[in-house]
Amino acid sequence: MDEALWKAIVNCEPTFDGRYFYGVMTTSIFCRPSCRSRTPLRENVRIFRNAHDAGAAGYRPCKRCRPDACRLGPDEELVQAAKEIMEQRYQDSLTLDTLARELAISPYHLHRVFKRLTGTTPADYVLDRRLRVAQEALCSEPSRTVTDIAMEAGFRSTSHFSTVFQKETGFSPSNYRKLYWFTMK
């Protein structure tokens, strides 16, 4: 078994939930990686791609983590709600406080849960969304100015946009656009 998969089981990592399930041969029960039940012996663990495969192999679902249920836990629901707001309103000036207020939760708790489940912060998530929108616009709309694209994507200044864009892609927005159109010809 892969070391990363085993560590996720030992540490009850929710970031791996849905990516795989594990069955315990001695109990014939299968769980999510985040299950808080007692850690089994490594040699008794089998990895499955999905809950169906675990069931087909003769394992029954854990009553604690309910790996066969599609429902999200409260932390997952919070993260999903935050992502929906950020996806819809990435152009707005979304701060952690604003987002937390809309979700009726402490900003510290939101930040902690979001980072634990997604591996990134809410601010980085919004920034990534803005960059994806800008990259798509640079490639699909050659007549638009970089300033227009930056403002539409939610950046407050062209200089900030250019700095962030270069840091993330390795190219200035203009060079990124030129490279894209050069490779398309």
N, C-alpha and C. Protein backbone atom coordinates (compact mmCIF):
# COMPACT_ATOMS: atom_id res chain seq x y z
N MET A 1 0.84 -1.18 0.00
CA MET A 1 0.00 0.00 0.00
C MET A 1 0.89 1.24 0.00
N ASP A 2 0.47 2.23 -0.74
CA ASP A 2 1.19 3.50 -0.85
C ASP A 2 1.29 4.17 0.53
N GLU A 3 2.44 4.74 0.83
CA GLU A 3 2.68 5.38 2.13
C GLU A 3 1.73 6.55 2.38
N ALA A 4 1.44 7.33 1.34
CA ALA A 4 0.53 8.48 1.49
C ALA A 4 -0.87 8.03 1.86
N LEU A 5 -1.33 6.92 1.28
CA LEU A 5 -2.67 6.39 1.60
C LEU A 5 -2.72 5.91 3.05
N TRP A 6 -1.67 5.24 3.45
CA TRP A 6 -1.61 4.75 4.83
C TRP A 6 -1.58 5.91 5.83
N LYS A 7 -0.78 6.93 5.56
CA LYS A 7 -0.72 8.08 6.46
C LYS A 7 -2.08 8.76 6.56
N ALA A 8 -2.81 8.83 5.45
CA ALA A 8 -4.14 9.45 5.47
C ALA A 8 -5.08 8.66 6.38
N ILE A 9 -4.99 7.35 6.38
CA ILE A 9 -5.83 6.51 7.24
C ILE A 9 -5.44 6.72 8.70
N VAL A 10 -4.15 6.69 8.98
CA VAL A 10 -3.66 6.86 10.36
C VAL A 10 -4.04 8.23 10.91
N ASN A 11 -3.94 9.29 10.06
CA ASN A 11 -4.23 10.66 10.49
C ASN A 11 -5.68 11.08 10.28
N CYS A 12 -6.52 10.15 9.81
CA CYS A 12 -7.95 10.44 9.57
C CYS A 12 -8.14 11.67 8.69
N GLU A 13 -7.45 11.69 7.54
CA GLU A 13 -7.44 12.85 6.64
C GLU A 13 -8.71 12.96 5.81
N PRO A 14 -9.51 14.01 6.00
CA PRO A 14 -10.73 14.19 5.20
C PRO A 14 -10.45 14.58 3.76
N THR A 15 -9.25 15.08 3.47
CA THR A 15 -8.93 15.49 2.09
C THR A 15 -8.92 14.31 1.13
N PHE A 16 -8.80 13.09 1.64
CA PHE A 16 -8.77 11.91 0.79
C PHE A 16 -10.14 11.24 0.66
N ASP A 17 -11.13 11.71 1.39
CA ASP A 17 -12.46 11.13 1.30
C ASP A 17 -13.00 11.22 -0.12
N GLY A 18 -13.55 10.12 -0.59
CA GLY A 18 -14.09 10.06 -1.93
C GLY A 18 -13.07 9.64 -2.97
N ARG A 19 -11.79 9.77 -2.66
CA ARG A 19 -10.74 9.35 -3.60
C ARG A 19 -10.50 7.85 -3.50
N TYR A 20 -10.65 7.32 -2.29
CA TYR A 20 -10.53 5.88 -2.09
C TYR A 20 -11.20 5.53 -0.76
N PHE A 21 -11.40 4.22 -0.56
CA PHE A 21 -11.95 3.69 0.68
C PHE A 21 -11.03 2.57 1.11
N TYR A 22 -11.08 2.24 2.39
CA TYR A 22 -10.25 1.13 2.83
C TYR A 22 -11.10 0.12 3.59
N GLY A 23 -10.79 -1.14 3.35
CA GLY A 23 -11.47 -2.23 4.03
C GLY A 23 -10.54 -2.88 5.02
N VAL A 24 -11.11 -3.36 6.11
CA VAL A 24 -10.32 -4.05 7.13
C VAL A 24 -10.68 -5.53 7.04
N MET A 25 -9.71 -6.35 6.65
CA MET A 25 -9.96 -7.77 6.41
C MET A 25 -10.47 -8.51 7.64
N THR A 26 -10.03 -8.13 8.83
CA THR A 26 -10.42 -8.87 10.03
C THR A 26 -11.85 -8.57 10.47
N THR A 27 -12.41 -7.45 10.05
CA THR A 27 -13.78 -7.11 10.44
C THR A 27 -14.75 -7.11 9.27
N SER A 28 -14.21 -7.15 8.04
CA SER A 28 -15.02 -7.06 6.81
C SER A 28 -15.83 -5.77 6.74
N ILE A 29 -15.24 -4.69 7.28
CA ILE A 29 -15.88 -3.37 7.26
C ILE A 29 -15.02 -2.45 6.40
N PHE A 30 -15.68 -1.55 5.64
CA PHE A 30 -14.92 -0.55 4.89
C PHE A 30 -15.28 0.84 5.36
N CYS A 31 -14.29 1.75 5.28
CA CYS A 31 -14.41 3.10 5.82
C CYS A 31 -13.88 4.14 4.85
N ARG A 32 -14.17 5.40 5.19
CA ARG A 32 -13.54 6.53 4.52
C ARG A 32 -12.18 6.74 5.18
N PRO A 33 -11.23 7.38 4.49
CA PRO A 33 -9.93 7.66 5.13
C PRO A 33 -10.05 8.53 6.38
N SER A 34 -11.10 9.34 6.48
CA SER A 34 -11.26 10.23 7.63
C SER A 34 -11.93 9.57 8.83
N CYS A 35 -12.29 8.31 8.73
CA CYS A 35 -13.01 7.64 9.82
C CYS A 35 -12.20 7.68 11.11
N ARG A 36 -12.88 7.99 12.20
CA ARG A 36 -12.21 8.10 13.50
C ARG A 36 -12.21 6.79 14.28
N SER A 37 -12.58 5.70 13.64
CA SER A 37 -12.54 4.41 14.32
C SER A 37 -11.08 4.03 14.57
N ARG A 38 -10.89 3.00 15.37
CA ARG A 38 -9.54 2.57 15.73
C ARG A 38 -8.72 2.23 14.49
N THR A 39 -7.48 2.66 14.45
CA THR A 39 -6.60 2.41 13.30
C THR A 39 -6.29 0.91 13.21
N PRO A 40 -6.58 0.31 12.05
CA PRO A 40 -6.31 -1.12 11.90
C PRO A 40 -4.82 -1.37 11.67
N LEU A 41 -4.44 -2.62 11.75
CA LEU A 41 -3.08 -3.00 11.41
C LEU A 41 -2.92 -2.85 9.90
N ARG A 42 -1.79 -2.36 9.51
CA ARG A 42 -1.55 -2.07 8.09
C ARG A 42 -1.73 -3.32 7.21
N GLU A 43 -1.29 -4.45 7.70
CA GLU A 43 -1.38 -5.68 6.89
C GLU A 43 -2.82 -6.17 6.71
N ASN A 44 -3.76 -5.63 7.49
CA ASN A 44 -5.17 -6.01 7.38
C ASN A 44 -5.99 -5.07 6.50
N VAL A 45 -5.34 -4.09 5.87
CA VAL A 45 -6.05 -3.07 5.10
C VAL A 45 -5.99 -3.36 3.60
N ARG A 46 -7.16 -3.23 2.97
CA ARG A 46 -7.25 -3.29 1.50
C ARG A 46 -7.80 -1.96 1.01
N ILE A 47 -7.29 -1.48 -0.11
CA ILE A 47 -7.71 -0.20 -0.68
C ILE A 47 -8.69 -0.45 -1.83
N PHE A 48 -9.76 0.36 -1.86
CA PHE A 48 -10.75 0.27 -2.93
C PHE A 48 -10.95 1.65 -3.55
N ARG A 49 -11.22 1.67 -4.86
CA ARG A 49 -11.42 2.94 -5.58
C ARG A 49 -12.74 3.59 -5.20
N ASN A 50 -13.76 2.77 -4.90
CA ASN A 50 -15.07 3.33 -4.56
C ASN A 50 -15.80 2.39 -3.61
N ALA A 51 -16.91 2.88 -3.08
CA ALA A 51 -17.69 2.11 -2.10
C ALA A 51 -18.29 0.86 -2.75
N HIS A 52 -18.65 0.97 -4.02
CA HIS A 52 -19.24 -0.17 -4.72
C HIS A 52 -18.26 -1.33 -4.78
N ASP A 53 -17.00 -1.05 -5.11
CA ASP A 53 -15.98 -2.09 -5.18
C ASP A 53 -15.76 -2.76 -3.81
N ALA A 54 -15.80 -1.97 -2.77
CA ALA A 54 -15.63 -2.53 -1.42
C ALA A 54 -16.81 -3.45 -1.08
N GLY A 55 -18.01 -3.01 -1.41
CA GLY A 55 -19.20 -3.84 -1.16
C GLY A 55 -19.16 -5.12 -1.98
N ALA A 56 -18.74 -5.01 -3.25
CA ALA A 56 -18.65 -6.19 -4.12
C ALA A 56 -17.62 -7.19 -3.62
N ALA A 57 -16.61 -6.71 -2.89
CA ALA A 57 -15.58 -7.59 -2.34
C ALA A 57 -16.01 -8.22 -1.01
N GLY A 58 -17.24 -7.94 -0.58
CA GLY A 58 -17.76 -8.56 0.64
C GLY A 58 -17.64 -7.73 1.90
N TYR A 59 -17.27 -6.47 1.78
CA TYR A 59 -17.14 -5.61 2.95
C TYR A 59 -18.46 -4.85 3.17
N ARG A 60 -18.78 -4.62 4.44
CA ARG A 60 -19.98 -3.82 4.74
C ARG A 60 -19.56 -2.44 5.23
N PRO A 61 -20.42 -1.43 5.02
CA PRO A 61 -20.05 -0.06 5.39
C PRO A 61 -19.96 0.15 6.89
N CYS A 62 -19.03 0.96 7.29
CA CYS A 62 -18.84 1.35 8.68
C CYS A 62 -20.05 2.15 9.15
N LYS A 63 -20.49 1.90 10.36
CA LYS A 63 -21.63 2.63 10.89
C LYS A 63 -21.23 4.00 11.44
N ARG A 64 -19.95 4.19 11.64
CA ARG A 64 -19.47 5.47 12.17
C ARG A 64 -19.31 6.50 11.06
N CYS A 65 -18.57 6.18 10.00
CA CYS A 65 -18.29 7.18 8.95
C CYS A 65 -19.25 7.10 7.76
N ARG A 66 -20.08 6.07 7.72
CA ARG A 66 -21.10 5.91 6.66
C ARG A 66 -20.53 6.13 5.26
N PRO A 67 -19.58 5.31 4.84
CA PRO A 67 -18.94 5.52 3.53
C PRO A 67 -19.88 5.30 2.34
N ASP A 68 -21.01 4.64 2.58
CA ASP A 68 -21.96 4.39 1.50
C ASP A 68 -22.95 5.54 1.33
N ALA A 69 -22.96 6.48 2.28
CA ALA A 69 -23.89 7.61 2.22
C ALA A 69 -23.27 8.73 1.39
N CYS A 70 -24.08 9.40 0.62
CA CYS A 70 -23.60 10.49 -0.23
C CYS A 70 -23.61 11.84 0.48
N ARG A 71 -24.19 11.87 1.63
CA ARG A 71 -24.33 13.16 2.32
C ARG A 71 -22.98 13.72 2.77
N LEU A 72 -22.94 15.03 2.84
CA LEU A 72 -21.73 15.70 3.30
C LEU A 72 -21.83 15.96 4.79
N GLY A 73 -20.69 15.99 5.46
CA GLY A 73 -20.67 16.35 6.87
C GLY A 73 -20.76 17.86 7.00
N PRO A 74 -20.88 18.38 8.21
CA PRO A 74 -21.03 19.83 8.39
C PRO A 74 -19.83 20.63 7.88
N ASP A 75 -18.64 20.11 8.04
CA ASP A 75 -17.46 20.82 7.54
C ASP A 75 -17.46 20.85 6.01
N GLU A 76 -17.81 19.71 5.40
CA GLU A 76 -17.86 19.65 3.94
C GLU A 76 -18.94 20.58 3.40
N GLU A 77 -20.08 20.65 4.08
CA GLU A 77 -21.16 21.56 3.66
C GLU A 77 -20.71 23.01 3.75
N LEU A 78 -19.99 23.34 4.81
CA LEU A 78 -19.47 24.70 4.98
C LEU A 78 -18.52 25.05 3.84
N VAL A 79 -17.60 24.16 3.53
CA VAL A 79 -16.64 24.40 2.45
C VAL A 79 -17.36 24.51 1.11
N GLN A 80 -18.35 23.65 0.88
CA GLN A 80 -19.09 23.69 -0.37
C GLN A 80 -19.84 25.02 -0.51
N ALA A 81 -20.46 25.48 0.57
CA ALA A 81 -21.17 26.76 0.54
C ALA A 81 -20.20 27.92 0.27
N ALA A 82 -19.04 27.88 0.90
CA ALA A 82 -18.03 28.92 0.69
C ALA A 82 -17.55 28.91 -0.75
N LYS A 83 -17.30 27.73 -1.30
CA LYS A 83 -16.85 27.62 -2.69
C LYS A 83 -17.91 28.18 -3.65
N GLU A 84 -19.18 27.89 -3.39
CA GLU A 84 -20.25 28.38 -4.26
C GLU A 84 -20.28 29.91 -4.27
N ILE A 85 -20.15 30.51 -3.10
CA ILE A 85 -20.13 31.98 -3.01
C ILE A 85 -18.94 32.53 -3.78
N MET A 86 -17.76 31.93 -3.58
CA MET A 86 -16.55 32.42 -4.24
C MET A 86 -16.59 32.22 -5.75
N GLU A 87 -17.18 31.12 -6.20
CA GLU A 87 -17.28 30.87 -7.64
C GLU A 87 -18.22 31.89 -8.30
N GLN A 88 -19.29 32.24 -7.62
CA GLN A 88 -20.27 33.17 -8.18
C GLN A 88 -19.83 34.62 -8.08
N ARG A 89 -19.12 34.94 -7.01
CA ARG A 89 -18.81 36.35 -6.75
C ARG A 89 -17.31 36.61 -6.69
N TYR A 90 -16.52 35.91 -7.47
CA TYR A 90 -15.07 36.08 -7.47
C TYR A 90 -14.66 37.50 -7.85
N GLN A 91 -15.52 38.22 -8.58
CA GLN A 91 -15.20 39.58 -9.02
C GLN A 91 -15.32 40.60 -7.89
N ASP A 92 -16.11 40.25 -6.88
CA ASP A 92 -16.32 41.15 -5.75
C ASP A 92 -15.10 41.18 -4.85
N SER A 93 -15.09 42.17 -3.98
CA SER A 93 -14.02 42.27 -2.99
C SER A 93 -14.39 41.36 -1.81
N LEU A 94 -14.15 40.07 -1.97
CA LEU A 94 -14.50 39.09 -0.94
C LEU A 94 -13.37 38.95 0.06
N THR A 95 -13.61 39.32 1.28
CA THR A 95 -12.64 39.11 2.34
C THR A 95 -13.07 37.90 3.16
N LEU A 96 -12.19 37.39 3.97
CA LEU A 96 -12.53 36.28 4.85
C LEU A 96 -13.65 36.67 5.79
N ASP A 97 -13.61 37.91 6.30
CA ASP A 97 -14.66 38.38 7.21
C ASP A 97 -16.01 38.44 6.51
N THR A 98 -16.04 38.93 5.28
CA THR A 98 -17.29 39.01 4.53
C THR A 98 -17.86 37.63 4.28
N LEU A 99 -17.02 36.74 3.84
CA LEU A 99 -17.44 35.37 3.57
C LEU A 99 -17.95 34.68 4.84
N ALA A 100 -17.23 34.84 5.93
CA ALA A 100 -17.62 34.23 7.20
C ALA A 100 -18.94 34.80 7.70
N ARG A 101 -19.13 36.10 7.54
CA ARG A 101 -20.37 36.75 7.97
C ARG A 101 -21.56 36.18 7.18
N GLU A 102 -21.38 36.01 5.88
CA GLU A 102 -22.45 35.45 5.05
C GLU A 102 -22.78 34.01 5.42
N LEU A 103 -21.79 33.29 5.89
CA LEU A 103 -22.00 31.90 6.27
C LEU A 103 -22.33 31.75 7.75
N ALA A 104 -22.37 32.87 8.46
CA ALA A 104 -22.69 32.89 9.89
C ALA A 104 -21.73 32.00 10.69
N ILE A 105 -20.44 32.23 10.47
CA ILE A 105 -19.41 31.43 11.13
C ILE A 105 -18.21 32.32 11.44
N SER A 106 -17.42 31.92 12.37
CA SER A 106 -16.20 32.66 12.71
C SER A 106 -15.22 32.61 11.54
N PRO A 107 -14.57 33.74 11.23
CA PRO A 107 -13.58 33.73 10.14
C PRO A 107 -12.43 32.74 10.40
N TYR A 108 -12.04 32.61 11.64
CA TYR A 108 -10.95 31.71 11.99
C TYR A 108 -11.34 30.25 11.75
N HIS A 109 -12.58 29.92 12.13
CA HIS A 109 -13.06 28.56 11.92
C HIS A 109 -13.19 28.27 10.42
N LEU A 110 -13.74 29.21 9.67
CA LEU A 110 -13.88 29.04 8.23
C LEU A 110 -12.51 28.81 7.58
N HIS A 111 -11.55 29.64 7.93
CA HIS A 111 -10.20 29.52 7.36
C HIS A 111 -9.60 28.16 7.69
N ARG A 112 -9.71 27.75 8.95
CA ARG A 112 -9.12 26.48 9.41
C ARG A 112 -9.76 25.29 8.69
N VAL A 113 -11.11 25.26 8.63
CA VAL A 113 -11.82 24.14 8.01
C VAL A 113 -11.56 24.11 6.50
N PHE A 114 -11.62 25.27 5.86
CA PHE A 114 -11.41 25.35 4.43
C PHE A 114 -10.02 24.84 4.05
N LYS A 115 -9.03 25.28 4.79
CA LYS A 115 -7.64 24.86 4.51
C LYS A 115 -7.46 23.37 4.76
N ARG A 116 -8.06 22.86 5.82
CA ARG A 116 -7.93 21.44 6.15
C ARG A 116 -8.56 20.56 5.07
N LEU A 117 -9.72 20.96 4.55
CA LEU A 117 -10.41 20.12 3.59
C LEU A 117 -9.97 20.32 2.14
N THR A 118 -9.49 21.51 1.80
CA THR A 118 -9.12 21.77 0.40
C THR A 118 -7.62 21.86 0.19
N GLY A 119 -6.87 22.08 1.25
CA GLY A 119 -5.43 22.25 1.12
C GLY A 119 -5.01 23.65 0.71
N THR A 120 -5.97 24.57 0.62
CA THR A 120 -5.69 25.95 0.26
C THR A 120 -6.55 26.88 1.12
N THR A 121 -6.22 28.15 1.12
CA THR A 121 -7.01 29.11 1.89
C THR A 121 -8.12 29.69 1.03
N PRO A 122 -9.15 30.27 1.63
CA PRO A 122 -10.20 30.93 0.83
C PRO A 122 -9.63 32.02 -0.08
N ALA A 123 -8.68 32.79 0.42
CA ALA A 123 -8.09 33.86 -0.40
C ALA A 123 -7.38 33.29 -1.62
N ASP A 124 -6.64 32.22 -1.44
CA ASP A 124 -5.94 31.59 -2.56
C ASP A 124 -6.93 30.95 -3.54
N TYR A 125 -8.04 30.44 -3.01
CA TYR A 125 -9.07 29.86 -3.88
C TYR A 125 -9.67 30.92 -4.80
N VAL A 126 -10.01 32.09 -4.23
CA VAL A 126 -10.56 33.18 -5.04
C VAL A 126 -9.53 33.66 -6.05
N LEU A 127 -8.30 33.80 -5.62
CA LEU A 127 -7.23 34.24 -6.52
C LEU A 127 -7.07 33.27 -7.69
N ASP A 128 -7.11 31.98 -7.40
CA ASP A 128 -7.00 30.97 -8.44
C ASP A 128 -8.18 31.09 -9.43
N ARG A 129 -9.37 31.32 -8.91
CA ARG A 129 -10.55 31.48 -9.77
C ARG A 129 -10.38 32.70 -10.68
N ARG A 130 -9.92 33.79 -10.13
CA ARG A 130 -9.69 35.01 -10.92
C ARG A 130 -8.64 34.77 -12.01
N LEU A 131 -7.58 34.08 -11.66
CA LEU A 131 -6.53 33.80 -12.64
C LEU A 131 -7.05 32.90 -13.77
N ARG A 132 -7.87 31.90 -13.43
CA ARG A 132 -8.43 31.03 -14.47
C ARG A 132 -9.30 31.83 -15.43
N VAL A 133 -10.13 32.74 -14.89
CA VAL A 133 -10.98 33.58 -15.73
C VAL A 133 -10.12 34.46 -16.63
N ALA A 134 -9.09 35.05 -16.07
CA ALA A 134 -8.21 35.93 -16.84
C ALA A 134 -7.47 35.14 -17.94
N GLN A 135 -6.97 33.97 -17.61
CA GLN A 135 -6.26 33.17 -18.61
C GLN A 135 -7.19 32.82 -19.78
N GLU A 136 -8.40 32.44 -19.45
CA GLU A 136 -9.36 32.10 -20.51
C GLU A 136 -9.66 33.31 -21.39
N ALA A 137 -9.86 34.47 -20.76
CA ALA A 137 -10.15 35.69 -21.52
C ALA A 137 -8.96 36.11 -22.38
N LEU A 138 -7.76 35.99 -21.85
CA LEU A 138 -6.57 36.35 -22.64
C LEU A 138 -6.45 35.49 -23.90
N CYS A 139 -6.85 34.24 -23.78
CA CYS A 139 -6.73 33.32 -24.91
C CYS A 139 -7.91 33.40 -25.87
N SER A 140 -9.09 33.73 -25.38
CA SER A 140 -10.27 33.68 -26.23
C SER A 140 -10.71 35.04 -26.77
N GLU A 141 -10.19 36.13 -26.19
CA GLU A 141 -10.62 37.46 -26.60
C GLU A 141 -9.40 38.34 -26.90
N PRO A 142 -8.77 38.16 -28.06
CA PRO A 142 -7.53 38.86 -28.36
C PRO A 142 -7.67 40.38 -28.51
N SER A 143 -8.88 40.86 -28.75
CA SER A 143 -9.05 42.30 -28.96
C SER A 143 -9.23 43.07 -27.64
N ARG A 144 -9.50 42.37 -26.55
CA ARG A 144 -9.70 43.05 -25.26
C ARG A 144 -8.36 43.42 -24.64
N THR A 145 -8.37 44.54 -23.92
CA THR A 145 -7.14 44.97 -23.26
C THR A 145 -6.89 44.16 -22.00
N VAL A 146 -5.64 44.11 -21.61
CA VAL A 146 -5.27 43.41 -20.38
C VAL A 146 -5.94 44.09 -19.19
N THR A 147 -6.06 45.40 -19.22
CA THR A 147 -6.71 46.13 -18.13
C THR A 147 -8.17 45.72 -17.99
N ASP A 148 -8.89 45.65 -19.10
CA ASP A 148 -10.29 45.23 -19.06
C ASP A 148 -10.43 43.82 -18.48
N ILE A 149 -9.57 42.94 -18.92
CA ILE A 149 -9.61 41.56 -18.44
C ILE A 149 -9.31 41.50 -16.95
N ALA A 150 -8.32 42.25 -16.52
CA ALA A 150 -7.96 42.27 -15.09
C ALA A 150 -9.11 42.77 -14.24
N MET A 151 -9.75 43.84 -14.68
CA MET A 151 -10.86 44.41 -13.90
C MET A 151 -12.06 43.46 -13.87
N GLU A 152 -12.35 42.84 -15.01
CA GLU A 152 -13.48 41.92 -15.07
C GLU A 152 -13.24 40.68 -14.22
N ALA A 153 -12.00 40.27 -14.11
CA ALA A 153 -11.66 39.09 -13.32
C ALA A 153 -11.65 39.36 -11.82
N GLY A 154 -11.76 40.64 -11.44
CA GLY A 154 -11.84 40.96 -10.02
C GLY A 154 -10.59 41.56 -9.43
N PHE A 155 -9.58 41.81 -10.25
CA PHE A 155 -8.37 42.46 -9.74
C PHE A 155 -8.64 43.97 -9.67
N ARG A 156 -8.10 44.62 -8.67
CA ARG A 156 -8.36 46.04 -8.46
C ARG A 156 -7.40 46.95 -9.20
N SER A 157 -6.27 46.38 -9.68
CA SER A 157 -5.34 47.19 -10.46
C SER A 157 -4.61 46.29 -11.45
N THR A 158 -4.22 46.89 -12.56
CA THR A 158 -3.51 46.14 -13.59
C THR A 158 -2.13 45.72 -13.10
N SER A 159 -1.48 46.55 -12.32
CA SER A 159 -0.14 46.21 -11.84
C SER A 159 -0.18 45.00 -10.90
N HIS A 160 -1.19 44.97 -10.02
CA HIS A 160 -1.33 43.82 -9.13
C HIS A 160 -1.63 42.56 -9.94
N PHE A 161 -2.52 42.68 -10.91
CA PHE A 161 -2.85 41.56 -11.78
C PHE A 161 -1.60 41.04 -12.49
N SER A 162 -0.82 41.93 -13.07
CA SER A 162 0.37 41.53 -13.81
C SER A 162 1.39 40.83 -12.91
N THR A 163 1.57 41.37 -11.70
CA THR A 163 2.51 40.77 -10.75
C THR A 163 2.07 39.36 -10.36
N VAL A 164 0.79 39.22 -10.00
CA VAL A 164 0.28 37.91 -9.58
C VAL A 164 0.29 36.93 -10.75
N PHE A 165 -0.12 37.40 -11.91
CA PHE A 165 -0.18 36.55 -13.10
C PHE A 165 1.22 36.02 -13.44
N GLN A 166 2.21 36.90 -13.44
CA GLN A 166 3.59 36.49 -13.75
C GLN A 166 4.11 35.51 -12.72
N LYS A 167 3.80 35.75 -11.46
CA LYS A 167 4.26 34.85 -10.39
C LYS A 167 3.67 33.45 -10.57
N GLU A 168 2.40 33.37 -10.94
CA GLU A 168 1.72 32.08 -11.05
C GLU A 168 2.00 31.35 -12.36
N THR A 169 2.14 32.07 -13.47
CA THR A 169 2.29 31.42 -14.77
C THR A 169 3.71 31.47 -15.32
N GLY A 170 4.50 32.42 -14.83
CA GLY A 170 5.84 32.59 -15.36
C GLY A 170 5.90 33.53 -16.56
N PHE A 171 4.74 34.09 -16.95
CA PHE A 171 4.66 35.00 -18.09
C PHE A 171 3.87 36.24 -17.69
N SER A 172 4.18 37.36 -18.33
CA SER A 172 3.32 38.54 -18.17
C SER A 172 2.03 38.23 -18.92
N PRO A 173 0.93 38.90 -18.60
CA PRO A 173 -0.33 38.65 -19.32
C PRO A 173 -0.18 38.82 -20.83
N SER A 174 0.52 39.85 -21.26
CA SER A 174 0.71 40.09 -22.70
C SER A 174 1.51 38.97 -23.35
N ASN A 175 2.58 38.55 -22.71
CA ASN A 175 3.39 37.46 -23.26
C ASN A 175 2.64 36.13 -23.26
N TYR A 176 1.83 35.93 -22.25
CA TYR A 176 1.00 34.72 -22.18
C TYR A 176 0.06 34.68 -23.39
N ARG A 177 -0.57 35.81 -23.66
CA ARG A 177 -1.49 35.91 -24.79
C ARG A 177 -0.73 35.68 -26.11
N LYS A 178 0.43 36.33 -26.27
CA LYS A 178 1.22 36.17 -27.49
C LYS A 178 1.63 34.71 -27.69
N LEU A 179 2.09 34.09 -26.61
CA LEU A 179 2.51 32.69 -26.69
C LEU A 179 1.35 31.80 -27.10
N TYR A 180 0.18 32.04 -26.52
CA TYR A 180 -1.00 31.25 -26.85
C TYR A 180 -1.33 31.38 -28.34
N TRP A 181 -1.39 32.60 -28.83
CA TRP A 181 -1.76 32.82 -30.24
C TRP A 181 -0.66 32.35 -31.19
N PHE A 182 0.58 32.42 -30.74
CA PHE A 182 1.68 31.92 -31.57
C PHE A 182 1.59 30.41 -31.74
N THR A 183 1.27 29.70 -30.64
CA THR A 183 1.17 28.24 -30.70
C THR A 183 -0.09 27.78 -31.42
N MET A 184 -1.09 28.64 -31.51
CA MET A 184 -2.34 28.26 -32.19
C MET A 184 -2.24 28.38 -33.71
N LYS A 185 -1.24 29.12 -34.21
CA LYS A 185 -1.12 29.32 -35.66
C LYS A 185 -0.46 28.15 -36.34
